[in-house]
C-alpha atoms as a PDB file:
ATOM      1  CA  MET A   1      68.961  37.307  -8.386  1.00  0.00           C
ATOM      2  CA  SER A   2      65.352  36.967  -7.479  1.00  0.00           C
ATOM      3  CA  LYS A   3      64.192  35.760  -4.181  1.00  0.00           C
ATOM      4  CA  LEU A   4      61.296  33.371  -3.834  1.00  0.00           C
ATOM      5  CA  ARG A   5      59.257  33.850  -0.735  1.00  0.00           C
ATOM      6  CA  MET A   6      57.074  31.089   0.546  1.00  0.00           C
ATOM      7  CA  ASN A   7      54.176  31.877   2.752  1.00  0.00           C
ATOM      8  CA  SER A   8      53.700  29.083   5.209  1.00  0.00           C
ATOM      9  CA  GLU A   9      49.957  29.825   5.414  1.00  0.00           C
ATOM     10  CA  VAL A  10      49.300  29.303   1.740  1.00  0.00           C
ATOM     11  CA  LYS A  11      48.170  25.778   1.099  1.00  0.00           C
ATOM     12  CA  PRO A  12      48.025  24.107  -2.253  1.00  0.00           C
ATOM     13  CA  LYS A  13      44.564  24.135  -3.865  1.00  0.00           C
ATOM     14  CA  CYS A  14      44.494  20.379  -4.027  1.00  0.00           C
ATOM     15  CA  TYR A  15      44.623  20.185  -0.196  1.00  0.00           C
ATOM     16  CA  ALA A  16      41.103  21.571   0.171  1.00  0.00           C
ATOM     17  CA  ASN A  17      39.840  19.249  -2.568  1.00  0.00           C
ATOM     18  CA  SER A  18      41.503  16.254  -0.965  1.00  0.00           C
ATOM     19  CA  LYS A  19      39.573  16.888   2.256  1.00  0.00           C
ATOM     20  CA  LYS A  20      36.309  16.999   0.304  1.00  0.00           C
ATOM     21  CA  PHE A  21      37.290  13.861  -1.562  1.00  0.00           C
ATOM     22  CA  ALA A  22      38.115  12.063   1.672  1.00  0.00           C
ATOM     23  CA  ALA A  23      34.780  13.074   3.177  1.00  0.00           C
ATOM     24  CA  MET A  24      32.860  11.965   0.070  1.00  0.00           C
ATOM     25  CA  PHE A  25      34.784   8.710  -0.036  1.00  0.00           C
ATOM     26  CA  ALA A  26      34.011   8.045   3.640  1.00  0.00           C
ATOM     27  CA  CYS A  27      30.297   8.683   2.971  1.00  0.00           C
ATOM     28  CA  PHE A  28      30.389   6.385  -0.047  1.00  0.00           C
ATOM     29  CA  ILE A  29      31.968   3.584   2.004  1.00  0.00           C
ATOM     30  CA  ALA A  30      29.410   4.067   4.781  1.00  0.00           C
ATOM     31  CA  LEU A  31      26.475   3.963   2.374  1.00  0.00           C
ATOM     32  CA  THR A  32      27.697   0.949   0.462  1.00  0.00           C
ATOM     33  CA  SER A  33      28.341  -0.952   3.671  1.00  0.00           C
ATOM     34  CA  LEU A  34      24.773  -0.272   4.792  1.00  0.00           C
ATOM     35  CA  THR A  35      23.225  -1.435   1.534  1.00  0.00           C
ATOM     36  CA  ALA A  36      25.501  -4.446   1.272  1.00  0.00           C
ATOM     37  CA  CYS A  37      23.568  -6.141   4.064  1.00  0.00           C
ATOM     38  CA  SER A  38      20.582  -7.014   1.904  1.00  0.00           C
ATOM     39  CA  SER A  39      20.633  -8.267  -1.644  1.00  0.00           C
ATOM     40  CA  THR A  40      18.433  -7.095  -4.483  1.00  0.00           C
ATOM     41  CA  ALA A  41      15.633  -9.496  -5.382  1.00  0.00           C
ATOM     42  CA  ALA A  42      15.380 -10.380  -9.066  1.00  0.00           C
ATOM     43  CA  VAL A  43      11.690 -10.049  -9.909  1.00  0.00           C
ATOM     44  CA  ASP A  44      10.280  -9.795 -13.440  1.00  0.00           C
ATOM     45  CA  ALA A  45       7.964  -6.876 -14.121  1.00  0.00           C
ATOM     46  CA  ALA A  46       4.346  -7.672 -14.963  1.00  0.00           C
ATOM     47  CA  PRO A  47       2.953  -6.686 -18.396  1.00  0.00           C
ATOM     48  CA  ASP A  48       1.025  -3.666 -17.028  1.00  0.00           C
ATOM     49  CA  ALA A  49       3.645  -2.609 -14.443  1.00  0.00           C
ATOM     50  CA  ALA A  50       3.745   0.958 -15.820  1.00  0.00           C
ATOM     51  CA  ASN A  51       0.075   1.519 -14.963  1.00  0.00           C
ATOM     52  CA  PRO A  52      -0.156   4.662 -12.774  1.00  0.00           C
ATOM     53  CA  LEU A  53      -2.439   2.836 -10.331  1.00  0.00           C
ATOM     54  CA  CYS A  54       0.423   0.447  -9.552  1.00  0.00           C
ATOM     55  CA  ALA A  55       2.529   3.429  -8.499  1.00  0.00           C
ATOM     56  CA  GLU A  56      -0.208   4.567  -6.099  1.00  0.00           C
ATOM     57  CA  MET A  57      -0.166   1.160  -4.451  1.00  0.00           C
ATOM     58  CA  MET A  58       3.613   0.749  -4.390  1.00  0.00           C
ATOM     59  CA  VAL A  59       4.246   3.920  -2.377  1.00  0.00           C
ATOM     60  CA  VAL A  60       2.112   2.701   0.539  1.00  0.00           C
ATOM     61  CA  LEU A  61       3.426  -0.861   0.828  1.00  0.00           C
ATOM     62  CA  PRO A  62       4.578  -1.817   4.332  1.00  0.00           C
ATOM     63  CA  ASP A  63       8.265  -1.891   5.268  1.00  0.00           C
ATOM     64  CA  THR A  64       7.801  -5.245   7.008  1.00  0.00           C
ATOM     65  CA  ILE A  65       5.476  -8.223   6.758  1.00  0.00           C
ATOM     66  CA  GLY A  66       5.684 -10.386   9.854  1.00  0.00           C
ATOM     67  CA  ASP A  67       9.411 -10.597  10.538  1.00  0.00           C
ATOM     68  CA  ALA A  68      10.415 -10.027   6.897  1.00  0.00           C
ATOM     69  CA  ASP A  69      11.864  -6.652   5.896  1.00  0.00           C
ATOM     70  CA  ARG A  70      11.145  -5.114   2.510  1.00  0.00           C
ATOM     71  CA  ARG A  71      14.061  -5.063   0.107  1.00  0.00           C
ATOM     72  CA  THR A  72      14.805  -3.615  -3.294  1.00  0.00           C
ATOM     73  CA  THR A  73      13.879  -5.424  -6.487  1.00  0.00           C
ATOM     74  CA  THR A  74      15.070  -5.266 -10.075  1.00  0.00           C
ATOM     75  CA  SER A  75      11.793  -4.228 -11.733  1.00  0.00           C
ATOM     76  CA  GLN A  76       9.117  -1.574 -11.662  1.00  0.00           C
ATOM     77  CA  SER A  77       5.986  -2.229  -9.590  1.00  0.00           C
ATOM     78  CA  THR A  78       7.522  -5.161  -7.728  1.00  0.00           C
ATOM     79  CA  SER A  79       8.507  -5.723  -4.130  1.00  0.00           C
ATOM     80  CA  ALA A  80       9.911  -8.486  -1.960  1.00  0.00           C
ATOM     81  CA  TRP A  81      10.114  -9.095   1.771  1.00  0.00           C
ATOM     82  CA  GLY A  82      12.730 -11.260   3.466  1.00  0.00           C
ATOM     83  CA  ASP A  83      16.175 -12.424   2.387  1.00  0.00           C
ATOM     84  CA  PRO A  84      15.701 -14.946   0.924  1.00  0.00           C
ATOM     85  CA  SER A  85      12.295 -13.747  -0.224  1.00  0.00           C
ATOM     86  CA  LYS A  86       9.348 -14.907   1.848  1.00  0.00           C
ATOM     87  CA  VAL A  87       6.851 -12.750  -0.086  1.00  0.00           C
ATOM     88  CA  VAL A  88       7.059 -11.417  -3.655  1.00  0.00           C
ATOM     89  CA  LEU A  89       4.576  -8.891  -5.069  1.00  0.00           C
ATOM     90  CA  ARG A  90       4.004  -7.809  -8.685  1.00  0.00           C
ATOM     91  CA  CYS A  91       1.485  -5.203  -9.752  1.00  0.00           C
ATOM     92  CA  GLY A  92       0.161  -5.181 -13.303  1.00  0.00           C
ATOM     93  CA  VAL A  93      -0.413  -8.903 -13.796  1.00  0.00           C
ATOM     94  CA  GLN A  94      -3.225 -10.264 -15.934  1.00  0.00           C
ATOM     95  CA  VAL A  95      -6.628  -9.704 -14.367  1.00  0.00           C
ATOM     96  CA  PRO A  96      -8.070 -13.076 -13.310  1.00  0.00           C
ATOM     97  CA  THR A  97     -11.185 -14.309 -15.019  1.00  0.00           C
ATOM     98  CA  PRO A  98     -13.942 -16.103 -13.105  1.00  0.00           C
ATOM     99  CA  THR A  99     -12.502 -19.273 -11.617  1.00  0.00           C
ATOM    100  CA  SER A 100     -13.313 -22.163  -9.325  1.00  0.00           C
ATOM    101  CA  ASP A 101     -10.202 -21.356  -7.252  1.00  0.00           C
ATOM    102  CA  PRO A 102     -11.097 -20.155  -3.760  1.00  0.00           C
ATOM    103  CA  CYS A 103     -11.543 -16.449  -3.201  1.00  0.00           C
ATOM    104  CA  VAL A 104     -10.908 -14.805   0.158  1.00  0.00           C
ATOM    105  CA  SER A 105     -11.779 -11.284   1.191  1.00  0.00           C
ATOM    106  CA  VAL A 106      -9.404  -9.435   3.534  1.00  0.00           C
ATOM    107  CA  ASN A 107     -10.182  -5.839   4.516  1.00  0.00           C
ATOM    108  CA  ASP A 108     -12.557  -5.490   1.541  1.00  0.00           C
ATOM    109  CA  VAL A 109      -9.997  -6.752  -0.983  1.00  0.00           C
ATOM    110  CA  ASP A 110     -10.794 -10.008  -2.794  1.00  0.00           C
ATOM    111  CA  TRP A 111      -7.906 -12.386  -3.482  1.00  0.00           C
ATOM    112  CA  VAL A 112      -8.053 -15.500  -5.686  1.00  0.00           C
ATOM    113  CA  ALA A 113      -5.855 -18.191  -4.141  1.00  0.00           C
ATOM    114  CA  HIS A 114      -4.089 -20.792  -6.245  1.00  0.00           C
ATOM    115  CA  GLU A 115      -1.829 -23.461  -4.761  1.00  0.00           C
ATOM    116  CA  ASP A 116       0.809 -25.119  -6.908  1.00  0.00           C
ATOM    117  CA  GLU A 117       0.259 -28.822  -6.302  1.00  0.00           C
ATOM    118  CA  LYS A 118       3.942 -29.744  -6.689  1.00  0.00           C
ATOM    119  CA  SER A 119       5.657 -27.013  -4.687  1.00  0.00           C
ATOM    120  CA  GLY A 120       2.894 -25.974  -2.281  1.00  0.00           C
ATOM    121  CA  ILE A 121       3.624 -22.318  -3.165  1.00  0.00           C
ATOM    122  CA  TRP A 122       0.582 -20.053  -3.201  1.00  0.00           C
ATOM    123  CA  THR A 123      -0.183 -17.354  -5.722  1.00  0.00           C
ATOM    124  CA  LEU A 124      -2.780 -14.861  -4.533  1.00  0.00           C
ATOM    125  CA  THR A 125      -4.152 -12.392  -7.099  1.00  0.00           C
ATOM    126  CA  THR A 126      -6.490  -9.488  -6.474  1.00  0.00           C
ATOM    127  CA  TYR A 127      -9.873 -10.035  -8.066  1.00  0.00           C
ATOM    128  CA  GLY A 128     -12.016  -7.273  -9.567  1.00  0.00           C
ATOM    129  CA  ARG A 129      -9.214  -4.686  -9.698  1.00  0.00           C
ATOM    130  CA  THR A 130      -7.430  -3.457 -12.815  1.00  0.00           C
ATOM    131  CA  PRO A 131      -4.475  -3.705 -12.822  1.00  0.00           C
ATOM    132  CA  ALA A 132      -4.322  -6.870 -10.759  1.00  0.00           C
ATOM    133  CA  THR A 133      -1.710  -7.532  -8.081  1.00  0.00           C
ATOM    134  CA  GLU A 134      -0.065 -10.914  -7.563  1.00  0.00           C
ATOM    135  CA  VAL A 135       1.510 -12.108  -4.328  1.00  0.00           C
ATOM    136  CA  VAL A 136       3.579 -15.301  -4.167  1.00  0.00           C
ATOM    137  CA  LEU A 137       4.387 -16.970  -0.839  1.00  0.00           C
ATOM    138  CA  ASP A 138       5.050 -20.259   0.867  1.00  0.00           C
ATOM    139  CA  PRO A 139       2.431 -20.662   3.629  1.00  0.00           C
ATOM    140  CA  ASN A 140       4.837 -22.940   5.513  1.00  0.00           C
ATOM    141  CA  VAL A 141       7.287 -20.037   5.809  1.00  0.00           C
ATOM    142  CA  ILE A 142       4.928 -17.090   6.417  1.00  0.00           C
ATOM    143  CA  PRO A 143       1.180 -17.237   7.124  1.00  0.00           C
ATOM    144  CA  SER A 144      -1.029 -16.066   4.256  1.00  0.00           C
ATOM    145  CA  SER A 145      -3.270 -14.296   6.783  1.00  0.00           C
ATOM    146  CA  THR A 146      -0.332 -12.145   7.911  1.00  0.00           C
ATOM    147  CA  VAL A 147       0.617 -11.345   4.316  1.00  0.00           C
ATOM    148  CA  LEU A 148      -2.889 -10.442   3.129  1.00  0.00           C
ATOM    149  CA  ALA A 149      -3.668  -8.382   6.230  1.00  0.00           C
ATOM    150  CA  SER A 150      -0.429  -6.449   5.668  1.00  0.00           C
ATOM    151  CA  LEU A 151      -0.982  -5.875   1.941  1.00  0.00           C
ATOM    152  CA  SER A 152      -4.737  -5.349   1.588  1.00  0.00           C
ATOM    153  CA  ASP A 153      -4.723  -1.650   2.507  1.00  0.00           C
ATOM    154  CA  ALA A 154      -2.149  -0.971  -0.222  1.00  0.00           C
ATOM    155  CA  ALA A 155      -4.020  -3.170  -2.727  1.00  0.00           C
ATOM    156  CA  ALA A 156      -7.193  -1.193  -1.982  1.00  0.00           C
ATOM    157  CA  LYS A 157      -5.540   1.866  -3.593  1.00  0.00           C
ATOM    158  CA  ILE A 158      -6.546   0.248  -6.898  1.00  0.00           C
ATOM    159  CA  PRO A 159     -10.353   0.667  -7.055  1.00  0.00           C
ATOM    160  CA  ALA A 160     -12.564  -2.425  -7.047  1.00  0.00           C
ATOM    161  CA  GLN A 161     -14.748  -2.930 -10.108  1.00  0.00           C
ATOM    162  CA  LYS A 162     -16.017  -6.422  -9.281  1.00  0.00           C
ATOM    163  CA  ALA A 163     -16.221  -8.733  -6.284  1.00  0.00           C
ATOM    164  CA  CYS A 164     -15.937 -12.455  -5.788  1.00  0.00           C
ATOM    165  CA  VAL A 165     -19.187 -14.342  -5.717  1.00  0.00           C
ATOM    166  CA  SER A 166     -19.560 -17.705  -4.075  1.00  0.00           C
ATOM    167  CA  VAL A 167     -21.396 -20.500  -5.853  1.00  0.00           C
ATOM    168  CA  ASP A 168     -24.414 -20.207  -3.566  1.00  0.00           C
ATOM    169  CA  LYS A 169     -24.733 -16.460  -4.373  1.00  0.00           C
ATOM    170  CA  SER A 170     -24.555 -16.884  -8.134  1.00  0.00           C
ATOM    171  CA  GLU A 171     -27.630 -16.324 -10.247  1.00  0.00           C
ATOM    172  CA  LYS A 172     -29.444 -19.247 -11.765  1.00  0.00           C
ATOM    173  CA  LEU A 173     -29.576 -18.930 -15.517  1.00  0.00           C
END
């Protein structure tokens, strides 16, 4: 007859793994509860979003604009602030051609401003920089001056090749 001895100090191998699992599970729950507070903004990528100059700009974008916090988006070279979005940015949009739309310069970055007549939403696009950056906002929700002052330093990471010219500075042909 054989005797089976049990050592009370020997613990099953799965015990150590269950502690690790419990710790990983607790971390997972903590992380998902933190990220569950803000939703992901669905933003379509611009045609030239993969341009390396967009990446240089994206890494220096501010975490907040006014009282709106930056949140994750669904596409490359895009960003959004606020939930719901107060400001949406896309890098790699079509470079604007000369236009009669007003152009404003903020911190040495020129922006062409276009207001949608029906909605009142503004689209501001960098002028003279390739790739161009587009910012969409409602000026009744967040001031355009706050937005452009916050974003111009990042937009300046894409070198200027041209500048806006007012009608009175244009050459007579």
